[in-house]
Structures are given as structure tokens and as C-alpha cells.
Amino acid sequence: MQITATLDTSDKVNMDAYVATFRDSEDHYKILVRPPFPGVYILKLAGKREGNKAPRTPGLVKYILKCRT
């Protein structure tokens, strides 16, 4: 499985520099999110099976993160 994560502010400003995806094992991933300041963020995870030749990676889940100090 190939997993990608994107992070945007609620105003749709891209913050991908503040999210990282780590693969622990064949079916276990960790997503680290470290927003630069308090606010509302949208974390989107997408994925597809290894070897899938499709040009797009389908969306799997979307989280709304309310970050405080």
C-alpha cells in the first residue's frame, strides 16, 4: 500500500511541509503532523495498492484538526 498525506489550513493554504508519513511495516503507517501555529487544519490521507498503475491516488479519509497552543 502507498499512503500519502496532505495538510491544508481551513483557508486552503497548503501546509504539506508540516506533515510526514512513516511506514512501520507492510500494513502499518504513522502520520506525524506538527502545525506551525494554532488553528484549524484539514489532514487528508490517500492510498493505493503497490503496483497499481492508476494516475490518481484515491482519497481514504479526511480529518479536521483543531490545534491549540
PDB file of N, CA and C in Angstrom:
ATOM      1  N   MET A   1       0.844  -1.178   0.000  1.00  0.00           N
ATOM      2  CA  MET A   1       0.000   0.000   0.000  1.00  0.00           C
ATOM      3  C   MET A   1       0.887   1.239   0.000  1.00  0.00           C
ATOM      4  N   GLN A   2       0.521   2.216  -0.775  1.00  0.00           N
ATOM      5  CA  GLN A   2       1.210   3.505  -0.804  1.00  0.00           C
ATOM      6  C   GLN A   2       0.264   4.545  -0.201  1.00  0.00           C
ATOM      7  N   ILE A   3       0.710   5.197   0.857  1.00  0.00           N
ATOM      8  CA  ILE A   3      -0.110   6.188   1.555  1.00  0.00           C
ATOM      9  C   ILE A   3       0.535   7.558   1.388  1.00  0.00           C
ATOM     10  N   THR A   4      -0.291   8.559   1.099  1.00  0.00           N
ATOM     11  CA  THR A   4       0.180   9.944   1.056  1.00  0.00           C
ATOM     12  C   THR A   4      -0.697  10.781   1.981  1.00  0.00           C
ATOM     13  N   ALA A   5      -0.116  11.826   2.551  1.00  0.00           N
ATOM     14  CA  ALA A   5      -0.839  12.713   3.452  1.00  0.00           C
ATOM     15  C   ALA A   5      -0.648  14.149   2.991  1.00  0.00           C
ATOM     16  N   THR A   6      -1.719  14.921   3.024  1.00  0.00           N
ATOM     17  CA  THR A   6      -1.644  16.345   2.719  1.00  0.00           C
ATOM     18  C   THR A   6      -2.279  17.115   3.871  1.00  0.00           C
ATOM     19  N   LEU A   7      -1.773  18.312   4.108  1.00  0.00           N
ATOM     20  CA  LEU A   7      -2.269  19.157   5.184  1.00  0.00           C
ATOM     21  C   LEU A   7      -2.537  20.545   4.621  1.00  0.00           C
ATOM     22  N   ASP A   8      -3.728  21.055   4.889  1.00  0.00           N
ATOM     23  CA  ASP A   8      -4.115  22.404   4.471  1.00  0.00           C
ATOM     24  C   ASP A   8      -4.724  23.128   5.665  1.00  0.00           C
ATOM     25  N   THR A   9      -4.663  24.461   5.649  1.00  0.00           N
ATOM     26  CA  THR A   9      -5.390  25.246   6.647  1.00  0.00           C
ATOM     27  C   THR A   9      -6.854  25.263   6.246  1.00  0.00           C
ATOM     28  N   SER A  10      -7.699  25.764   7.126  1.00  0.00           N
ATOM     29  CA  SER A  10      -9.126  25.856   6.796  1.00  0.00           C
ATOM     30  C   SER A  10      -9.361  26.831   5.643  1.00  0.00           C
ATOM     31  N   ASP A  11      -8.374  27.708   5.374  1.00  0.00           N
ATOM     32  CA  ASP A  11      -8.454  28.653   4.246  1.00  0.00           C
ATOM     33  C   ASP A  11      -7.834  28.074   2.967  1.00  0.00           C
ATOM     34  N   LYS A  12      -7.524  26.781   2.993  1.00  0.00           N
ATOM     35  CA  LYS A  12      -6.966  26.045   1.850  1.00  0.00           C
ATOM     36  C   LYS A  12      -5.531  26.444   1.495  1.00  0.00           C
ATOM     37  N   VAL A  13      -4.758  26.878   2.490  1.00  0.00           N
ATOM     38  CA  VAL A  13      -3.336  27.153   2.296  1.00  0.00           C
ATOM     39  C   VAL A  13      -2.585  25.845   2.529  1.00  0.00           C
ATOM     40  N   ASN A  14      -1.757  25.451   1.575  1.00  0.00           N
ATOM     41  CA  ASN A  14      -1.036  24.186   1.666  1.00  0.00           C
ATOM     42  C   ASN A  14       0.020  24.235   2.766  1.00  0.00           C
ATOM     43  N   MET A  15       0.030  23.201   3.613  1.00  0.00           N
ATOM     44  CA  MET A  15       0.976  23.090   4.727  1.00  0.00           C
ATOM     45  C   MET A  15       1.659  21.724   4.723  1.00  0.00           C
ATOM     46  N   ASP A  16       1.893  21.160   3.541  1.00  0.00           N
ATOM     47  CA  ASP A  16       2.479  19.821   3.441  1.00  0.00           C
ATOM     48  C   ASP A  16       3.862  19.721   4.088  1.00  0.00           C
ATOM     49  N   ALA A  17       4.542  20.836   4.267  1.00  0.00           N
ATOM     50  CA  ALA A  17       5.860  20.815   4.906  1.00  0.00           C
ATOM     51  C   ALA A  17       5.765  20.419   6.381  1.00  0.00           C
ATOM     52  N   TYR A  18       4.562  20.413   6.947  1.00  0.00           N
ATOM     53  CA  TYR A  18       4.379  20.128   8.364  1.00  0.00           C
ATOM     54  C   TYR A  18       3.741  18.759   8.616  1.00  0.00           C
ATOM     55  N   VAL A  19       3.761  17.882   7.613  1.00  0.00           N
ATOM     56  CA  VAL A  19       3.226  16.528   7.768  1.00  0.00           C
ATOM     57  C   VAL A  19       4.218  15.532   7.176  1.00  0.00           C
ATOM     58  N   ALA A  20       4.364  14.387   7.844  1.00  0.00           N
ATOM     59  CA  ALA A  20       5.271  13.339   7.369  1.00  0.00           C
ATOM     60  C   ALA A  20       4.588  11.981   7.521  1.00  0.00           C
ATOM     61  N   THR A  21       4.859  11.086   6.589  1.00  0.00           N
ATOM     62  CA  THR A  21       4.299   9.738   6.603  1.00  0.00           C
ATOM     63  C   THR A  21       5.437   8.739   6.776  1.00  0.00           C
ATOM     64  N   PHE A  22       5.294   7.833   7.737  1.00  0.00           N
ATOM     65  CA  PHE A  22       6.296   6.804   8.003  1.00  0.00           C
ATOM     66  C   PHE A  22       5.658   5.423   7.894  1.00  0.00           C
ATOM     67  N   ARG A  23       6.330   4.514   7.223  1.00  0.00           N
ATOM     68  CA  ARG A  23       5.833   3.152   7.092  1.00  0.00           C
ATOM     69  C   ARG A  23       6.575   2.267   8.089  1.00  0.00           C
ATOM     70  N   ASP A  24       5.860   1.711   9.065  1.00  0.00           N
ATOM     71  CA  ASP A  24       6.451   0.842  10.079  1.00  0.00           C
ATOM     72  C   ASP A  24       6.563  -0.605   9.609  1.00  0.00           C
ATOM     73  N   SER A  25       5.557  -1.057   8.899  1.00  0.00           N
ATOM     74  CA  SER A  25       5.530  -2.435   8.413  1.00  0.00           C
ATOM     75  C   SER A  25       4.658  -2.489   7.168  1.00  0.00           C
ATOM     76  N   GLU A  26       4.397  -3.666   6.689  1.00  0.00           N
ATOM     77  CA  GLU A  26       3.617  -3.843   5.460  1.00  0.00           C
ATOM     78  C   GLU A  26       2.258  -3.141   5.512  1.00  0.00           C
ATOM     79  N   ASP A  27       1.610  -3.173   6.649  1.00  0.00           N
ATOM     80  CA  ASP A  27       0.261  -2.599   6.750  1.00  0.00           C
ATOM     81  C   ASP A  27       0.108  -1.608   7.907  1.00  0.00           C
ATOM     82  N   HIS A  28       1.211  -0.983   8.338  1.00  0.00           N
ATOM     83  CA  HIS A  28       1.144  -0.049   9.454  1.00  0.00           C
ATOM     84  C   HIS A  28       1.912   1.232   9.120  1.00  0.00           C
ATOM     85  N   TYR A  29       1.212   2.359   9.176  1.00  0.00           N
ATOM     86  CA  TYR A  29       1.806   3.663   8.880  1.00  0.00           C
ATOM     87  C   TYR A  29       1.631   4.585  10.075  1.00  0.00           C
ATOM     88  N   LYS A  30       2.535   5.553  10.203  1.00  0.00           N
ATOM     89  CA  LYS A  30       2.401   6.622  11.186  1.00  0.00           C
ATOM     90  C   LYS A  30       2.399   7.943  10.429  1.00  0.00           C
ATOM     91  N   ILE A  31       1.511   8.823  10.836  1.00  0.00           N
ATOM     92  CA  ILE A  31       1.416  10.161  10.240  1.00  0.00           C
ATOM     93  C   ILE A  31       1.753  11.163  11.342  1.00  0.00           C
ATOM     94  N   LEU A  32       2.774  11.973  11.111  1.00  0.00           N
ATOM     95  CA  LEU A  32       3.202  12.987  12.074  1.00  0.00           C
ATOM     96  C   LEU A  32       2.780  14.359  11.542  1.00  0.00           C
ATOM     97  N   VAL A  33       2.028  15.085  12.351  1.00  0.00           N
ATOM     98  CA  VAL A  33       1.562  16.431  11.982  1.00  0.00           C
ATOM     99  C   VAL A  33       2.061  17.399  13.035  1.00  0.00           C
ATOM    100  N   ARG A  34       2.792  18.440  12.598  1.00  0.00           N
ATOM    101  CA  ARG A  34       3.331  19.470  13.502  1.00  0.00           C
ATOM    102  C   ARG A  34       3.015  20.845  12.921  1.00  0.00           C
ATOM    103  N   PRO A  35       1.786  21.317  13.075  1.00  0.00           N
ATOM    104  CA  PRO A  35       1.412  22.623  12.519  1.00  0.00           C
ATOM    105  C   PRO A  35       2.250  23.750  13.124  1.00  0.00           C
ATOM    106  N   PRO A  36       2.521  24.791  12.336  1.00  0.00           N
ATOM    107  CA  PRO A  36       3.382  25.879  12.803  1.00  0.00           C
ATOM    108  C   PRO A  36       2.705  26.827  13.797  1.00  0.00           C
ATOM    109  N   PHE A  37       1.383  26.846  13.825  1.00  0.00           N
ATOM    110  CA  PHE A  37       0.669  27.739  14.731  1.00  0.00           C
ATOM    111  C   PHE A  37      -0.724  27.184  15.002  1.00  0.00           C
ATOM    112  N   PRO A  38      -1.376  27.658  16.088  1.00  0.00           N
ATOM    113  CA  PRO A  38      -2.732  27.181  16.390  1.00  0.00           C
ATOM    114  C   PRO A  38      -3.695  27.509  15.256  1.00  0.00           C
ATOM    115  N   GLY A  39      -4.714  26.675  15.103  1.00  0.00           N
ATOM    116  CA  GLY A  39      -5.718  26.906  14.075  1.00  0.00           C
ATOM    117  C   GLY A  39      -6.407  25.619  13.680  1.00  0.00           C
ATOM    118  N   VAL A  40      -7.192  25.711  12.621  1.00  0.00           N
ATOM    119  CA  VAL A  40      -7.928  24.553  12.106  1.00  0.00           C
ATOM    120  C   VAL A  40      -7.247  24.088  10.830  1.00  0.00           C
ATOM    121  N   TYR A  41      -6.956  22.792  10.766  1.00  0.00           N
ATOM    122  CA  TYR A  41      -6.260  22.190   9.634  1.00  0.00           C
ATOM    123  C   TYR A  41      -7.065  21.011   9.105  1.00  0.00           C
ATOM    124  N   ILE A  42      -6.862  20.708   7.846  1.00  0.00           N
ATOM    125  CA  ILE A  42      -7.502  19.551   7.226  1.00  0.00           C
ATOM    126  C   ILE A  42      -6.407  18.593   6.777  1.00  0.00           C
ATOM    127  N   LEU A  43      -6.429  17.395   7.370  1.00  0.00           N
ATOM    128  CA  LEU A  43      -5.475  16.346   7.030  1.00  0.00           C
ATOM    129  C   LEU A  43      -6.182  15.323   6.149  1.00  0.00           C
ATOM    130  N   LYS A  44      -5.648  15.111   4.949  1.00  0.00           N
ATOM    131  CA  LYS A  44      -6.238  14.140   4.020  1.00  0.00           C
ATOM    132  C   LYS A  44      -5.247  13.011   3.780  1.00  0.00           C
ATOM    133  N   LEU A  45      -5.743  11.774   3.873  1.00  0.00           N
ATOM    134  CA  LEU A  45      -4.930  10.600   3.588  1.00  0.00           C
ATOM    135  C   LEU A  45      -5.469   9.923   2.336  1.00  0.00           C
ATOM    136  N   ALA A  46      -4.564   9.554   1.460  1.00  0.00           N
ATOM    137  CA  ALA A  46      -4.921   8.864   0.225  1.00  0.00           C
ATOM    138  C   ALA A  46      -4.019   7.647   0.096  1.00  0.00           C
ATOM    139  N   GLY A  47      -4.475   6.659  -0.643  1.00  0.00           N
ATOM    140  CA  GLY A  47      -3.648   5.468  -0.790  1.00  0.00           C
ATOM    141  C   GLY A  47      -4.088   4.573  -1.923  1.00  0.00           C
ATOM    142  N   LYS A  48      -3.146   3.747  -2.360  1.00  0.00           N
ATOM    143  CA  LYS A  48      -3.445   2.733  -3.371  1.00  0.00           C
ATOM    144  C   LYS A  48      -2.487   1.562  -3.181  1.00  0.00           C
ATOM    145  N   ARG A  49      -2.866   0.435  -3.697  1.00  0.00           N
ATOM    146  CA  ARG A  49      -2.045  -0.767  -3.579  1.00  0.00           C
ATOM    147  C   ARG A  49      -0.772  -0.633  -4.396  1.00  0.00           C
ATOM    148  N   GLU A  50       0.296  -1.255  -3.897  1.00  0.00           N
ATOM    149  CA  GLU A  50       1.568  -1.273  -4.627  1.00  0.00           C
ATOM    150  C   GLU A  50       1.337  -1.885  -6.006  1.00  0.00           C
ATOM    151  N   GLY A  51       1.936  -1.313  -7.023  1.00  0.00           N
ATOM    152  CA  GLY A  51       1.802  -1.825  -8.380  1.00  0.00           C
ATOM    153  C   GLY A  51       0.598  -1.297  -9.127  1.00  0.00           C
ATOM    154  N   ASN A  52      -0.293  -0.583  -8.440  1.00  0.00           N
ATOM    155  CA  ASN A  52      -1.466  -0.001  -9.094  1.00  0.00           C
ATOM    156  C   ASN A  52      -0.992   1.110 -10.022  1.00  0.00           C
ATOM    157  N   LYS A  53      -1.325   1.020 -11.292  1.00  0.00           N
ATOM    158  CA  LYS A  53      -0.844   1.971 -12.301  1.00  0.00           C
ATOM    159  C   LYS A  53      -1.765   3.188 -12.477  1.00  0.00           C
ATOM    160  N   ALA A  54      -2.822   3.255 -11.697  1.00  0.00           N
ATOM    161  CA  ALA A  54      -3.763   4.371 -11.822  1.00  0.00           C
ATOM    162  C   ALA A  54      -3.036   5.699 -11.566  1.00  0.00           C
ATOM    163  N   PRO A  55      -3.305   6.726 -12.377  1.00  0.00           N
ATOM    164  CA  PRO A  55      -2.618   8.014 -12.210  1.00  0.00           C
ATOM    165  C   PRO A  55      -3.010   8.745 -10.922  1.00  0.00           C
ATOM    166  N   ARG A  56      -4.229   8.536 -10.463  1.00  0.00           N
ATOM    167  CA  ARG A  56      -4.705   9.200  -9.239  1.00  0.00           C
ATOM    168  C   ARG A  56      -4.637   8.261  -8.053  1.00  0.00           C
ATOM    169  N   THR A  57      -4.372   8.828  -6.889  1.00  0.00           N
ATOM    170  CA  THR A  57      -4.416   8.073  -5.643  1.00  0.00           C
ATOM    171  C   THR A  57      -5.737   8.395  -4.964  1.00  0.00           C
ATOM    172  N   PRO A  58      -6.618   7.411  -4.795  1.00  0.00           N
ATOM    173  CA  PRO A  58      -7.940   7.677  -4.215  1.00  0.00           C
ATOM    174  C   PRO A  58      -7.859   8.132  -2.750  1.00  0.00           C
ATOM    175  N   GLY A  59      -8.739   9.055  -2.395  1.00  0.00           N
ATOM    176  CA  GLY A  59      -8.819   9.524  -1.022  1.00  0.00           C
ATOM    177  C   GLY A  59      -9.357   8.433  -0.110  1.00  0.00           C
ATOM    178  N   LEU A  60      -8.782   8.327   1.090  1.00  0.00           N
ATOM    179  CA  LEU A  60      -9.223   7.319   2.057  1.00  0.00           C
ATOM    180  C   LEU A  60      -9.999   7.939   3.209  1.00  0.00           C
ATOM    181  N   VAL A  61      -9.455   9.032   3.761  1.00  0.00           N
ATOM    182  CA  VAL A  61     -10.089   9.649   4.923  1.00  0.00           C
ATOM    183  C   VAL A  61      -9.662  11.117   5.022  1.00  0.00           C
ATOM    184  N   LYS A  62     -10.513  11.931   5.652  1.00  0.00           N
ATOM    185  CA  LYS A  62     -10.199  13.340   5.878  1.00  0.00           C
ATOM    186  C   LYS A  62     -10.475  13.641   7.352  1.00  0.00           C
ATOM    187  N   TYR A  63      -9.515  14.296   8.008  1.00  0.00           N
ATOM    188  CA  TYR A  63      -9.654  14.684   9.419  1.00  0.00           C
ATOM    189  C   TYR A  63      -9.621  16.196   9.519  1.00  0.00           C
ATOM    190  N   ILE A  64     -10.418  16.733  10.417  1.00  0.00           N
ATOM    191  CA  ILE A  64     -10.358  18.154  10.752  1.00  0.00           C
ATOM    192  C   ILE A  64      -9.661  18.239  12.108  1.00  0.00           C
ATOM    193  N   LEU A  65      -8.514  18.918  12.125  1.00  0.00           N
ATOM    194  CA  LEU A  65      -7.689  19.049  13.322  1.00  0.00           C
ATOM    195  C   LEU A  65      -7.838  20.461  13.901  1.00  0.00           C
ATOM    196  N   LYS A  66      -8.229  20.557  15.136  1.00  0.00           N
ATOM    197  CA  LYS A  66      -8.314  21.853  15.812  1.00  0.00           C
ATOM    198  C   LYS A  66      -7.144  21.934  16.772  1.00  0.00           C
ATOM    199  N   CYS A  67      -6.123  22.677  16.380  1.00  0.00           N
ATOM    200  CA  CYS A  67      -4.868  22.731  17.128  1.00  0.00           C
ATOM    201  C   CYS A  67      -4.822  23.967  18.025  1.00  0.00           C
ATOM    202  N   ARG A  68      -4.403  23.727  19.247  1.00  0.00           N
ATOM    203  CA  ARG A  68      -4.275  24.809  20.233  1.00  0.00           C
ATOM    204  C   ARG A  68      -2.838  24.888  20.692  1.00  0.00           C
ATOM    205  N   THR A  69      -2.521  25.898  21.448  1.00  0.00           N
ATOM    206  CA  THR A  69      -1.161  26.041  21.976  1.00  0.00           C
ATOM    207  C   THR A  69      -0.907  25.074  23.096  1.00  0.00           C
TER     208      THR A  69
END
